[in-house]
Amino acid sequence: MEPTPVDALRVSQLDTSELDQELVRLTKSHIAQLFKYHTTTFLTRFDPEIQAGIKFLLWKVIEFFKICYK
């Protein structure tokens, strides 16, 4: 008999989602500090791309640690 994988609790999934959102928000604020002397239209114009890049990097880091700690 094969062991069945344990599903994550819904509370853990919600906590993970909130943590991811907070990490994106924190990283975005640091990027805003980097560009505070640049024109203000730069960050507003590229906001979706910046946010997608942050989420992609966060996903890659998580995948890297999953592979390393298997």
PDB file of N, CA and C in Angstrom:
ATOM      1  N   MET A   1       0.841  -1.177   0.000  1.00  0.00           N
ATOM      2  CA  MET A   1       0.000   0.000   0.000  1.00  0.00           C
ATOM      3  C   MET A   1       0.889   1.244   0.000  1.00  0.00           C
ATOM      4  N   GLU A   2       0.627   2.147  -0.924  1.00  0.00           N
ATOM      5  CA  GLU A   2       1.428   3.369  -1.036  1.00  0.00           C
ATOM      6  C   GLU A   2       0.928   4.420  -0.057  1.00  0.00           C
ATOM      7  N   PRO A   3       1.852   5.158   0.542  1.00  0.00           N
ATOM      8  CA  PRO A   3       1.414   6.244   1.426  1.00  0.00           C
ATOM      9  C   PRO A   3       0.809   7.379   0.605  1.00  0.00           C
ATOM     10  N   THR A   4      -0.263   7.920   1.085  1.00  0.00           N
ATOM     11  CA  THR A   4      -0.900   9.041   0.394  1.00  0.00           C
ATOM     12  C   THR A   4      -0.257  10.336   0.847  1.00  0.00           C
ATOM     13  N   PRO A   5      -0.081  11.276  -0.079  1.00  0.00           N
ATOM     14  CA  PRO A   5       0.506  12.558   0.328  1.00  0.00           C
ATOM     15  C   PRO A   5      -0.456  13.328   1.226  1.00  0.00           C
ATOM     16  N   VAL A   6       0.101  14.007   2.176  1.00  0.00           N
ATOM     17  CA  VAL A   6      -0.691  14.788   3.117  1.00  0.00           C
ATOM     18  C   VAL A   6      -0.956  16.148   2.497  1.00  0.00           C
ATOM     19  N   ASP A   7      -2.213  16.509   2.399  1.00  0.00           N
ATOM     20  CA  ASP A   7      -2.565  17.823   1.867  1.00  0.00           C
ATOM     21  C   ASP A   7      -2.276  18.890   2.910  1.00  0.00           C
ATOM     22  N   ALA A   8      -1.897  20.049   2.433  1.00  0.00           N
ATOM     23  CA  ALA A   8      -1.630  21.160   3.336  1.00  0.00           C
ATOM     24  C   ALA A   8      -2.957  21.683   3.879  1.00  0.00           C
ATOM     25  N   LEU A   9      -2.931  22.079   5.109  1.00  0.00           N
ATOM     26  CA  LEU A   9      -4.120  22.657   5.711  1.00  0.00           C
ATOM     27  C   LEU A   9      -4.443  23.990   5.058  1.00  0.00           C
ATOM     28  N   ARG A  10      -5.705  24.308   5.004  1.00  0.00           N
ATOM     29  CA  ARG A  10      -6.140  25.557   4.375  1.00  0.00           C
ATOM     30  C   ARG A  10      -5.559  26.773   5.107  1.00  0.00           C
ATOM     31  N   VAL A  11      -5.430  26.671   6.422  1.00  0.00           N
ATOM     32  CA  VAL A  11      -4.858  27.764   7.207  1.00  0.00           C
ATOM     33  C   VAL A  11      -3.400  27.987   6.812  1.00  0.00           C
ATOM     34  N   SER A  12      -2.661  26.904   6.614  1.00  0.00           N
ATOM     35  CA  SER A  12      -1.259  27.022   6.198  1.00  0.00           C
ATOM     36  C   SER A  12      -1.161  27.651   4.820  1.00  0.00           C
ATOM     37  N   GLN A  13      -2.077  27.286   3.926  1.00  0.00           N
ATOM     38  CA  GLN A  13      -2.074  27.870   2.592  1.00  0.00           C
ATOM     39  C   GLN A  13      -2.361  29.364   2.649  1.00  0.00           C
ATOM     40  N   LEU A  14      -3.287  29.766   3.507  1.00  0.00           N
ATOM     41  CA  LEU A  14      -3.596  31.190   3.642  1.00  0.00           C
ATOM     42  C   LEU A  14      -2.422  31.953   4.255  1.00  0.00           C
ATOM     43  N   ASP A  15      -1.769  31.351   5.251  1.00  0.00           N
ATOM     44  CA  ASP A  15      -0.596  31.982   5.853  1.00  0.00           C
ATOM     45  C   ASP A  15       0.517  32.142   4.824  1.00  0.00           C
ATOM     46  N   THR A  16       0.707  31.139   3.998  1.00  0.00           N
ATOM     47  CA  THR A  16       1.730  31.199   2.960  1.00  0.00           C
ATOM     48  C   THR A  16       1.415  32.291   1.956  1.00  0.00           C
ATOM     49  N   SER A  17       0.159  32.399   1.590  1.00  0.00           N
ATOM     50  CA  SER A  17      -0.253  33.436   0.642  1.00  0.00           C
ATOM     51  C   SER A  17      -0.009  34.827   1.216  1.00  0.00           C
ATOM     52  N   GLU A  18      -0.367  35.016   2.478  1.00  0.00           N
ATOM     53  CA  GLU A  18      -0.146  36.318   3.119  1.00  0.00           C
ATOM     54  C   GLU A  18       1.344  36.626   3.242  1.00  0.00           C
ATOM     55  N   LEU A  19       2.142  35.627   3.557  1.00  0.00           N
ATOM     56  CA  LEU A  19       3.589  35.815   3.657  1.00  0.00           C
ATOM     57  C   LEU A  19       4.182  36.192   2.299  1.00  0.00           C
ATOM     58  N   ASP A  20       3.737  35.526   1.244  1.00  0.00           N
ATOM     59  CA  ASP A  20       4.207  35.860  -0.099  1.00  0.00           C
ATOM     60  C   ASP A  20       3.853  37.302  -0.470  1.00  0.00           C
ATOM     61  N   GLN A  21       2.623  37.698  -0.171  1.00  0.00           N
ATOM     62  CA  GLN A  21       2.199  39.068  -0.470  1.00  0.00           C
ATOM     63  C   GLN A  21       3.021  40.088   0.307  1.00  0.00           C
ATOM     64  N   GLU A  22       3.316  39.775   1.555  1.00  0.00           N
ATOM     65  CA  GLU A  22       4.117  40.690   2.372  1.00  0.00           C
ATOM     66  C   GLU A  22       5.551  40.776   1.857  1.00  0.00           C
ATOM     67  N   LEU A  23       6.126  39.656   1.420  1.00  0.00           N
ATOM     68  CA  LEU A  23       7.474  39.680   0.851  1.00  0.00           C
ATOM     69  C   LEU A  23       7.521  40.505  -0.437  1.00  0.00           C
ATOM     70  N   VAL A  24       6.495  40.372  -1.270  1.00  0.00           N
ATOM     71  CA  VAL A  24       6.424  41.162  -2.500  1.00  0.00           C
ATOM     72  C   VAL A  24       6.305  42.645  -2.152  1.00  0.00           C
ATOM     73  N   ARG A  25       5.462  42.973  -1.191  1.00  0.00           N
ATOM     74  CA  ARG A  25       5.269  44.371  -0.788  1.00  0.00           C
ATOM     75  C   ARG A  25       6.565  44.959  -0.214  1.00  0.00           C
ATOM     76  N   LEU A  26       7.263  44.181   0.606  1.00  0.00           N
ATOM     77  CA  LEU A  26       8.511  44.640   1.213  1.00  0.00           C
ATOM     78  C   LEU A  26       9.594  44.853   0.155  1.00  0.00           C
ATOM     79  N   THR A  27       9.726  43.906  -0.758  1.00  0.00           N
ATOM     80  CA  THR A  27      10.723  44.035  -1.825  1.00  0.00           C
ATOM     81  C   THR A  27      10.397  45.212  -2.728  1.00  0.00           C
ATOM     82  N   LYS A  28       9.122  45.398  -3.013  1.00  0.00           N
ATOM     83  CA  LYS A  28       8.694  46.525  -3.853  1.00  0.00           C
ATOM     84  C   LYS A  28       9.017  47.865  -3.185  1.00  0.00           C
ATOM     85  N   SER A  29       8.870  47.937  -1.876  1.00  0.00           N
ATOM     86  CA  SER A  29       9.198  49.184  -1.178  1.00  0.00           C
ATOM     87  C   SER A  29      10.702  49.451  -1.215  1.00  0.00           C
ATOM     88  N   HIS A  30      11.513  48.394  -1.170  1.00  0.00           N
ATOM     89  CA  HIS A  30      12.961  48.567  -1.283  1.00  0.00           C
ATOM     90  C   HIS A  30      13.345  49.040  -2.686  1.00  0.00           C
ATOM     91  N   ILE A  31      12.681  48.517  -3.685  1.00  0.00           N
ATOM     92  CA  ILE A  31      12.939  48.966  -5.054  1.00  0.00           C
ATOM     93  C   ILE A  31      12.513  50.419  -5.216  1.00  0.00           C
ATOM     94  N   ALA A  32      11.420  50.800  -4.586  1.00  0.00           N
ATOM     95  CA  ALA A  32      10.979  52.198  -4.641  1.00  0.00           C
ATOM     96  C   ALA A  32      12.019  53.114  -4.004  1.00  0.00           C
ATOM     97  N   GLN A  33      12.665  52.654  -2.928  1.00  0.00           N
ATOM     98  CA  GLN A  33      13.723  53.448  -2.305  1.00  0.00           C
ATOM     99  C   GLN A  33      14.927  53.586  -3.230  1.00  0.00           C
ATOM    100  N   LEU A  34      15.207  52.545  -4.019  1.00  0.00           N
ATOM    101  CA  LEU A  34      16.311  52.625  -4.979  1.00  0.00           C
ATOM    102  C   LEU A  34      16.057  53.694  -6.040  1.00  0.00           C
ATOM    103  N   PHE A  35      14.805  53.823  -6.449  1.00  0.00           N
ATOM    104  CA  PHE A  35      14.463  54.746  -7.520  1.00  0.00           C
ATOM    105  C   PHE A  35      13.813  56.033  -7.019  1.00  0.00           C
ATOM    106  N   LYS A  36      14.034  56.387  -5.771  1.00  0.00           N
ATOM    107  CA  LYS A  36      13.347  57.573  -5.243  1.00  0.00           C
ATOM    108  C   LYS A  36      13.827  58.875  -5.886  1.00  0.00           C
ATOM    109  N   TYR A  37      15.026  58.887  -6.447  1.00  0.00           N
ATOM    110  CA  TYR A  37      15.507  60.102  -7.110  1.00  0.00           C
ATOM    111  C   TYR A  37      15.299  60.045  -8.613  1.00  0.00           C
ATOM    112  N   HIS A  38      14.732  58.959  -9.092  1.00  0.00           N
ATOM    113  CA  HIS A  38      14.436  58.817 -10.515  1.00  0.00           C
ATOM    114  C   HIS A  38      13.051  59.409 -10.778  1.00  0.00           C
ATOM    115  N   THR A  39      12.712  59.554 -12.036  1.00  0.00           N
ATOM    116  CA  THR A  39      11.391  60.109 -12.335  1.00  0.00           C
ATOM    117  C   THR A  39      10.301  59.203 -11.778  1.00  0.00           C
ATOM    118  N   THR A  40       9.253  59.798 -11.313  1.00  0.00           N
ATOM    119  CA  THR A  40       8.189  59.028 -10.664  1.00  0.00           C
ATOM    120  C   THR A  40       7.393  58.192 -11.652  1.00  0.00           C
ATOM    121  N   THR A  41       7.413  58.552 -12.918  1.00  0.00           N
ATOM    122  CA  THR A  41       6.637  57.779 -13.891  1.00  0.00           C
ATOM    123  C   THR A  41       7.274  56.421 -14.175  1.00  0.00           C
ATOM    124  N   PHE A  42       8.556  56.265 -13.871  1.00  0.00           N
ATOM    125  CA  PHE A  42       9.236  55.005 -14.134  1.00  0.00           C
ATOM    126  C   PHE A  42       8.604  53.864 -13.353  1.00  0.00           C
ATOM    127  N   LEU A  43       8.437  54.048 -12.048  1.00  0.00           N
ATOM    128  CA  LEU A  43       7.882  52.978 -11.212  1.00  0.00           C
ATOM    129  C   LEU A  43       6.410  52.726 -11.517  1.00  0.00           C
ATOM    130  N   THR A  44       5.665  53.773 -11.771  1.00  0.00           N
ATOM    131  CA  THR A  44       4.243  53.565 -12.070  1.00  0.00           C
ATOM    132  C   THR A  44       4.054  52.923 -13.435  1.00  0.00           C
ATOM    133  N   ARG A  45       4.935  53.237 -14.355  1.00  0.00           N
ATOM    134  CA  ARG A  45       4.836  52.675 -15.705  1.00  0.00           C
ATOM    135  C   ARG A  45       5.202  51.193 -15.735  1.00  0.00           C
ATOM    136  N   PHE A  46       6.206  50.810 -14.966  1.00  0.00           N
ATOM    137  CA  PHE A  46       6.689  49.434 -14.985  1.00  0.00           C
ATOM    138  C   PHE A  46       6.272  48.641 -13.747  1.00  0.00           C
ATOM    139  N   ASP A  47       5.278  49.094 -13.040  1.00  0.00           N
ATOM    140  CA  ASP A  47       4.840  48.418 -11.816  1.00  0.00           C
ATOM    141  C   ASP A  47       4.419  46.965 -12.053  1.00  0.00           C
ATOM    142  N   PRO A  48       3.608  46.645 -13.065  1.00  0.00           N
ATOM    143  CA  PRO A  48       3.240  45.237 -13.267  1.00  0.00           C
ATOM    144  C   PRO A  48       4.439  44.340 -13.575  1.00  0.00           C
ATOM    145  N   GLU A  49       5.387  44.856 -14.355  1.00  0.00           N
ATOM    146  CA  GLU A  49       6.575  44.066 -14.680  1.00  0.00           C
ATOM    147  C   GLU A  49       7.459  43.857 -13.455  1.00  0.00           C
ATOM    148  N   ILE A  50       7.591  44.886 -12.637  1.00  0.00           N
ATOM    149  CA  ILE A  50       8.391  44.780 -11.418  1.00  0.00           C
ATOM    150  C   ILE A  50       7.763  43.758 -10.469  1.00  0.00           C
ATOM    151  N   GLN A  51       6.452  43.838 -10.312  1.00  0.00           N
ATOM    152  CA  GLN A  51       5.759  42.908  -9.422  1.00  0.00           C
ATOM    153  C   GLN A  51       5.860  41.472  -9.952  1.00  0.00           C
ATOM    154  N   ALA A  52       5.724  41.292 -11.248  1.00  0.00           N
ATOM    155  CA  ALA A  52       5.848  39.946 -11.831  1.00  0.00           C
ATOM    156  C   ALA A  52       7.269  39.415 -11.661  1.00  0.00           C
ATOM    157  N   GLY A  53       8.261  40.273 -11.814  1.00  0.00           N
ATOM    158  CA  GLY A  53       9.648  39.854 -11.620  1.00  0.00           C
ATOM    159  C   GLY A  53       9.929  39.434 -10.192  1.00  0.00           C
ATOM    160  N   ILE A  54       9.390  40.170  -9.243  1.00  0.00           N
ATOM    161  CA  ILE A  54       9.576  39.832  -7.824  1.00  0.00           C
ATOM    162  C   ILE A  54       8.924  38.480  -7.525  1.00  0.00           C
ATOM    163  N   LYS A  55       7.698  38.280  -8.024  1.00  0.00           N
ATOM    164  CA  LYS A  55       7.002  37.012  -7.787  1.00  0.00           C
ATOM    165  C   LYS A  55       7.749  35.855  -8.444  1.00  0.00           C
ATOM    166  N   PHE A  56       8.304  36.094  -9.643  1.00  0.00           N
ATOM    167  CA  PHE A  56       9.065  35.052 -10.320  1.00  0.00           C
ATOM    168  C   PHE A  56      10.310  34.693  -9.521  1.00  0.00           C
ATOM    169  N   LEU A  57      11.046  35.691  -9.047  1.00  0.00           N
ATOM    170  CA  LEU A  57      12.240  35.412  -8.250  1.00  0.00           C
ATOM    171  C   LEU A  57      11.891  34.692  -6.949  1.00  0.00           C
ATOM    172  N   LEU A  58      10.811  35.086  -6.322  1.00  0.00           N
ATOM    173  CA  LEU A  58      10.365  34.416  -5.102  1.00  0.00           C
ATOM    174  C   LEU A  58      10.046  32.952  -5.391  1.00  0.00           C
ATOM    175  N   TRP A  59       9.365  32.702  -6.497  1.00  0.00           N
ATOM    176  CA  TRP A  59       9.040  31.328  -6.883  1.00  0.00           C
ATOM    177  C   TRP A  59      10.300  30.521  -7.148  1.00  0.00           C
ATOM    178  N   LYS A  60      11.293  31.107  -7.846  1.00  0.00           N
ATOM    179  CA  LYS A  60      12.533  30.395  -8.150  1.00  0.00           C
ATOM    180  C   LYS A  60      13.312  30.069  -6.874  1.00  0.00           C
ATOM    181  N   VAL A  61      13.344  30.986  -5.934  1.00  0.00           N
ATOM    182  CA  VAL A  61      14.047  30.733  -4.668  1.00  0.00           C
ATOM    183  C   VAL A  61      13.371  29.600  -3.911  1.00  0.00           C
ATOM    184  N   ILE A  62      12.045  29.596  -3.889  1.00  0.00           N
ATOM    185  CA  ILE A  62      11.321  28.533  -3.206  1.00  0.00           C
ATOM    186  C   ILE A  62      11.601  27.192  -3.881  1.00  0.00           C
ATOM    187  N   GLU A  63      11.579  27.152  -5.201  1.00  0.00           N
ATOM    188  CA  GLU A  63      11.857  25.912  -5.929  1.00  0.00           C
ATOM    189  C   GLU A  63      13.292  25.443  -5.672  1.00  0.00           C
ATOM    190  N   PHE A  64      14.239  26.382  -5.596  1.00  0.00           N
ATOM    191  CA  PHE A  64      15.624  26.027  -5.332  1.00  0.00           C
ATOM    192  C   PHE A  64      15.758  25.347  -3.970  1.00  0.00           C
ATOM    193  N   PHE A  65      15.105  25.911  -2.961  1.00  0.00           N
ATOM    194  CA  PHE A  65      15.205  25.324  -1.632  1.00  0.00           C
ATOM    195  C   PHE A  65      14.461  23.991  -1.546  1.00  0.00           C
ATOM    196  N   LYS A  66      13.400  23.824  -2.321  1.00  0.00           N
ATOM    197  CA  LYS A  66      12.721  22.527  -2.348  1.00  0.00           C
ATOM    198  C   LYS A  66      13.638  21.452  -2.889  1.00  0.00           C
ATOM    199  N   ILE A  67      14.397  21.775  -3.929  1.00  0.00           N
ATOM    200  CA  ILE A  67      15.319  20.814  -4.528  1.00  0.00           C
ATOM    201  C   ILE A  67      16.477  20.521  -3.589  1.00  0.00           C
ATOM    202  N   CYS A  68      17.005  21.553  -2.950  1.00  0.00           N
ATOM    203  CA  CYS A  68      18.171  21.389  -2.069  1.00  0.00           C
ATOM    204  C   CYS A  68      17.848  20.567  -0.828  1.00  0.00           C
ATOM    205  N   TYR A  69      16.663  20.699  -0.296  1.00  0.00           N
ATOM    206  CA  TYR A  69      16.343  20.038   0.968  1.00  0.00           C
ATOM    207  C   TYR A  69      15.476  18.799   0.801  1.00  0.00           C
ATOM    208  N   LYS A  70      15.501  18.192  -0.369  1.00  0.00           N
ATOM    209  CA  LYS A  70      14.758  16.940  -0.552  1.00  0.00           C
ATOM    210  C   LYS A  70      15.480  15.801   0.063  1.00  0.00           C
TER     211      LYS A  70
END
